[in-house]
Amino acid sequence: MTKEKINASVDGRSYTAEVEADLNSKAHALFGSGVGKSFLQYLENITTNIHSSGLGIEHLAHFEGQRWIVALLKHRTEMGRKNGS
Protein backbone atom coordinates (compact mmCIF):
# COMPACT_ATOMS: atom_id res chain seq x y z
CA MET A 1 0.00 0.00 0.00
CA THR A 2 1.39 3.41 -0.98
CA LYS A 3 0.84 6.55 0.99
CA GLU A 4 -0.58 9.60 -0.72
CA LYS A 5 1.55 12.71 -0.57
CA ILE A 6 0.34 15.08 2.13
CA ASN A 7 0.75 18.80 1.48
CA ALA A 8 0.80 21.69 3.94
CA SER A 9 -2.28 23.82 3.43
CA VAL A 10 -3.03 27.52 3.72
CA ASP A 11 -5.00 26.78 6.91
CA GLY A 12 -2.01 25.18 8.64
CA ARG A 13 -3.26 21.62 8.29
CA SER A 14 -2.13 18.91 5.92
CA TYR A 15 -4.24 17.43 3.12
CA THR A 16 -3.74 15.38 0.02
CA ALA A 17 -3.73 17.33 -3.24
CA GLU A 18 -7.19 15.96 -4.02
CA VAL A 19 -8.68 17.17 -0.73
CA GLU A 20 -7.01 20.56 -1.09
CA ALA A 21 -8.36 20.97 -4.63
CA ASP A 22 -11.83 19.89 -3.45
CA LEU A 23 -11.86 22.47 -0.63
CA ASN A 24 -10.76 25.22 -3.01
CA SER A 25 -13.33 24.18 -5.60
CA LYS A 26 -16.11 24.27 -3.02
CA ALA A 27 -15.03 27.69 -1.76
CA HIS A 28 -15.08 29.03 -5.32
CA ALA A 29 -18.50 27.48 -5.97
CA LEU A 30 -19.89 29.11 -2.82
CA PHE A 31 -18.15 32.50 -2.82
CA GLY A 32 -16.90 33.02 -6.39
CA SER A 33 -19.94 34.82 -7.74
CA GLY A 34 -23.42 36.10 -7.06
CA VAL A 35 -24.86 36.05 -3.57
CA GLY A 36 -21.87 34.20 -2.11
CA LYS A 37 -19.43 36.79 -3.43
CA SER A 38 -21.57 39.60 -2.02
CA PHE A 39 -21.76 37.86 1.34
CA LEU A 40 -17.99 37.35 1.44
CA GLN A 41 -17.54 41.08 0.74
CA TYR A 42 -19.92 41.80 3.63
CA LEU A 43 -17.87 39.54 5.94
CA GLU A 44 -14.68 41.26 4.85
CA ASN A 45 -16.22 44.67 5.53
CA ILE A 46 -17.38 43.84 9.06
CA THR A 47 -14.11 42.15 10.01
CA THR A 48 -11.58 44.61 8.57
CA ASN A 49 -13.22 47.93 9.39
CA ILE A 50 -12.85 47.74 13.16
CA HIS A 51 -11.69 50.61 15.33
CA SER A 52 -9.31 48.95 17.75
CA SER A 53 -8.42 51.81 20.08
CA GLY A 54 -9.33 51.05 23.66
CA LEU A 55 -10.07 47.37 23.12
CA GLY A 56 -8.60 44.68 25.34
CA ILE A 57 -6.37 41.90 24.08
CA GLU A 58 -9.26 39.42 24.18
CA HIS A 59 -11.32 41.52 21.79
CA LEU A 60 -8.36 42.13 19.50
CA ALA A 61 -7.59 38.41 19.37
CA HIS A 62 -11.24 37.67 18.58
CA PHE A 63 -11.28 40.21 15.74
CA GLU A 64 -7.99 38.87 14.38
CA GLY A 65 -9.47 35.36 14.31
CA GLN A 66 -12.43 36.65 12.35
CA ARG A 67 -10.13 38.35 9.85
CA TRP A 68 -8.09 35.16 9.49
CA ILE A 69 -11.18 33.10 8.65
CA VAL A 70 -12.35 35.62 6.05
CA ALA A 71 -8.86 35.77 4.52
CA LEU A 72 -8.83 31.95 4.39
CA LEU A 73 -12.19 31.91 2.58
CA LYS A 74 -10.97 34.52 0.10
CA HIS A 75 -7.72 32.63 -0.53
CA ARG A 76 -9.46 29.30 -1.08
CA THR A 77 -11.99 30.99 -3.37
CA GLU A 78 -9.19 32.47 -5.45
CA MET A 79 -7.30 29.16 -5.59
CA GLY A 80 -10.50 27.43 -6.68
CA ARG A 81 -10.95 30.01 -9.44
CA LYS A 82 -7.37 29.54 -10.66
CA ASN A 83 -7.56 25.75 -10.61
CA GLY A 84 -10.95 25.73 -12.33
CA SER A 85 -9.79 27.84 -15.25
C-alpha atoms as a PDB file:
ATOM      1  CA  MET A   1       0.000   0.000   0.000  1.00  0.00           C
ATOM      2  CA  THR A   2       1.389   3.412  -0.976  1.00  0.00           C
ATOM      3  CA  LYS A   3       0.842   6.553   0.986  1.00  0.00           C
ATOM      4  CA  GLU A   4      -0.584   9.602  -0.723  1.00  0.00           C
ATOM      5  CA  LYS A   5       1.547  12.714  -0.569  1.00  0.00           C
ATOM      6  CA  ILE A   6       0.341  15.081   2.130  1.00  0.00           C
ATOM      7  CA  ASN A   7       0.754  18.805   1.478  1.00  0.00           C
ATOM      8  CA  ALA A   8       0.798  21.687   3.942  1.00  0.00           C
ATOM      9  CA  SER A   9      -2.284  23.816   3.435  1.00  0.00           C
ATOM     10  CA  VAL A  10      -3.028  27.519   3.724  1.00  0.00           C
ATOM     11  CA  ASP A  11      -4.996  26.780   6.910  1.00  0.00           C
ATOM     12  CA  GLY A  12      -2.015  25.185   8.641  1.00  0.00           C
ATOM     13  CA  ARG A  13      -3.264  21.623   8.290  1.00  0.00           C
ATOM     14  CA  SER A  14      -2.131  18.910   5.915  1.00  0.00           C
ATOM     15  CA  TYR A  15      -4.237  17.426   3.124  1.00  0.00           C
ATOM     16  CA  THR A  16      -3.741  15.377   0.015  1.00  0.00           C
ATOM     17  CA  ALA A  17      -3.730  17.329  -3.236  1.00  0.00           C
ATOM     18  CA  GLU A  18      -7.190  15.960  -4.019  1.00  0.00           C
ATOM     19  CA  VAL A  19      -8.679  17.165  -0.732  1.00  0.00           C
ATOM     20  CA  GLU A  20      -7.006  20.557  -1.092  1.00  0.00           C
ATOM     21  CA  ALA A  21      -8.364  20.967  -4.628  1.00  0.00           C
ATOM     22  CA  ASP A  22     -11.830  19.894  -3.452  1.00  0.00           C
ATOM     23  CA  LEU A  23     -11.864  22.469  -0.635  1.00  0.00           C
ATOM     24  CA  ASN A  24     -10.763  25.218  -3.012  1.00  0.00           C
ATOM     25  CA  SER A  25     -13.327  24.184  -5.604  1.00  0.00           C
ATOM     26  CA  LYS A  26     -16.114  24.268  -3.024  1.00  0.00           C
ATOM     27  CA  ALA A  27     -15.028  27.695  -1.760  1.00  0.00           C
ATOM     28  CA  HIS A  28     -15.079  29.026  -5.319  1.00  0.00           C
ATOM     29  CA  ALA A  29     -18.500  27.484  -5.970  1.00  0.00           C
ATOM     30  CA  LEU A  30     -19.888  29.115  -2.820  1.00  0.00           C
ATOM     31  CA  PHE A  31     -18.148  32.501  -2.823  1.00  0.00           C
ATOM     32  CA  GLY A  32     -16.903  33.016  -6.387  1.00  0.00           C
ATOM     33  CA  SER A  33     -19.944  34.825  -7.739  1.00  0.00           C
ATOM     34  CA  GLY A  34     -23.425  36.101  -7.064  1.00  0.00           C
ATOM     35  CA  VAL A  35     -24.864  36.051  -3.567  1.00  0.00           C
ATOM     36  CA  GLY A  36     -21.874  34.197  -2.106  1.00  0.00           C
ATOM     37  CA  LYS A  37     -19.431  36.788  -3.428  1.00  0.00           C
ATOM     38  CA  SER A  38     -21.567  39.603  -2.020  1.00  0.00           C
ATOM     39  CA  PHE A  39     -21.765  37.857   1.336  1.00  0.00           C
ATOM     40  CA  LEU A  40     -17.993  37.345   1.441  1.00  0.00           C
ATOM     41  CA  GLN A  41     -17.542  41.077   0.739  1.00  0.00           C
ATOM     42  CA  TYR A  42     -19.923  41.796   3.631  1.00  0.00           C
ATOM     43  CA  LEU A  43     -17.874  39.543   5.943  1.00  0.00           C
ATOM     44  CA  GLU A  44     -14.680  41.257   4.849  1.00  0.00           C
ATOM     45  CA  ASN A  45     -16.220  44.669   5.529  1.00  0.00           C
ATOM     46  CA  ILE A  46     -17.377  43.841   9.064  1.00  0.00           C
ATOM     47  CA  THR A  47     -14.110  42.148  10.011  1.00  0.00           C
ATOM     48  CA  THR A  48     -11.583  44.607   8.571  1.00  0.00           C
ATOM     49  CA  ASN A  49     -13.220  47.926   9.392  1.00  0.00           C
ATOM     50  CA  ILE A  50     -12.846  47.740  13.160  1.00  0.00           C
ATOM     51  CA  HIS A  51     -11.686  50.606  15.333  1.00  0.00           C
ATOM     52  CA  SER A  52      -9.311  48.951  17.752  1.00  0.00           C
ATOM     53  CA  SER A  53      -8.418  51.806  20.077  1.00  0.00           C
ATOM     54  CA  GLY A  54      -9.333  51.049  23.658  1.00  0.00           C
ATOM     55  CA  LEU A  55     -10.068  47.372  23.120  1.00  0.00           C
ATOM     56  CA  GLY A  56      -8.596  44.685  25.340  1.00  0.00           C
ATOM     57  CA  ILE A  57      -6.367  41.902  24.080  1.00  0.00           C
ATOM     58  CA  GLU A  58      -9.259  39.423  24.183  1.00  0.00           C
ATOM     59  CA  HIS A  59     -11.317  41.517  21.790  1.00  0.00           C
ATOM     60  CA  LEU A  60      -8.360  42.134  19.503  1.00  0.00           C
ATOM     61  CA  ALA A  61      -7.595  38.407  19.374  1.00  0.00           C
ATOM     62  CA  HIS A  62     -11.236  37.674  18.576  1.00  0.00           C
ATOM     63  CA  PHE A  63     -11.279  40.207  15.740  1.00  0.00           C
ATOM     64  CA  GLU A  64      -7.989  38.874  14.381  1.00  0.00           C
ATOM     65  CA  GLY A  65      -9.466  35.362  14.313  1.00  0.00           C
ATOM     66  CA  GLN A  66     -12.426  36.652  12.345  1.00  0.00           C
ATOM     67  CA  ARG A  67     -10.127  38.354   9.850  1.00  0.00           C
ATOM     68  CA  TRP A  68      -8.087  35.156   9.489  1.00  0.00           C
ATOM     69  CA  ILE A  69     -11.185  33.097   8.650  1.00  0.00           C
ATOM     70  CA  VAL A  70     -12.353  35.625   6.049  1.00  0.00           C
ATOM     71  CA  ALA A  71      -8.860  35.767   4.522  1.00  0.00           C
ATOM     72  CA  LEU A  72      -8.830  31.952   4.385  1.00  0.00           C
ATOM     73  CA  LEU A  73     -12.190  31.913   2.584  1.00  0.00           C
ATOM     74  CA  LYS A  74     -10.970  34.519   0.105  1.00  0.00           C
ATOM     75  CA  HIS A  75      -7.723  32.629  -0.528  1.00  0.00           C
ATOM     76  CA  ARG A  76      -9.464  29.298  -1.079  1.00  0.00           C
ATOM     77  CA  THR A  77     -11.994  30.992  -3.374  1.00  0.00           C
ATOM     78  CA  GLU A  78      -9.189  32.467  -5.453  1.00  0.00           C
ATOM     79  CA  MET A  79      -7.296  29.162  -5.589  1.00  0.00           C
ATOM     80  CA  GLY A  80     -10.497  27.426  -6.682  1.00  0.00           C
ATOM     81  CA  ARG A  81     -10.951  30.009  -9.438  1.00  0.00           C
ATOM     82  CA  LYS A  82      -7.372  29.536 -10.658  1.00  0.00           C
ATOM     83  CA  ASN A  83      -7.558  25.754 -10.615  1.00  0.00           C
ATOM     84  CA  GLY A  84     -10.950  25.728 -12.334  1.00  0.00           C
ATOM     85  CA  SER A  85      -9.785  27.837 -15.254  1.00  0.00           C
END
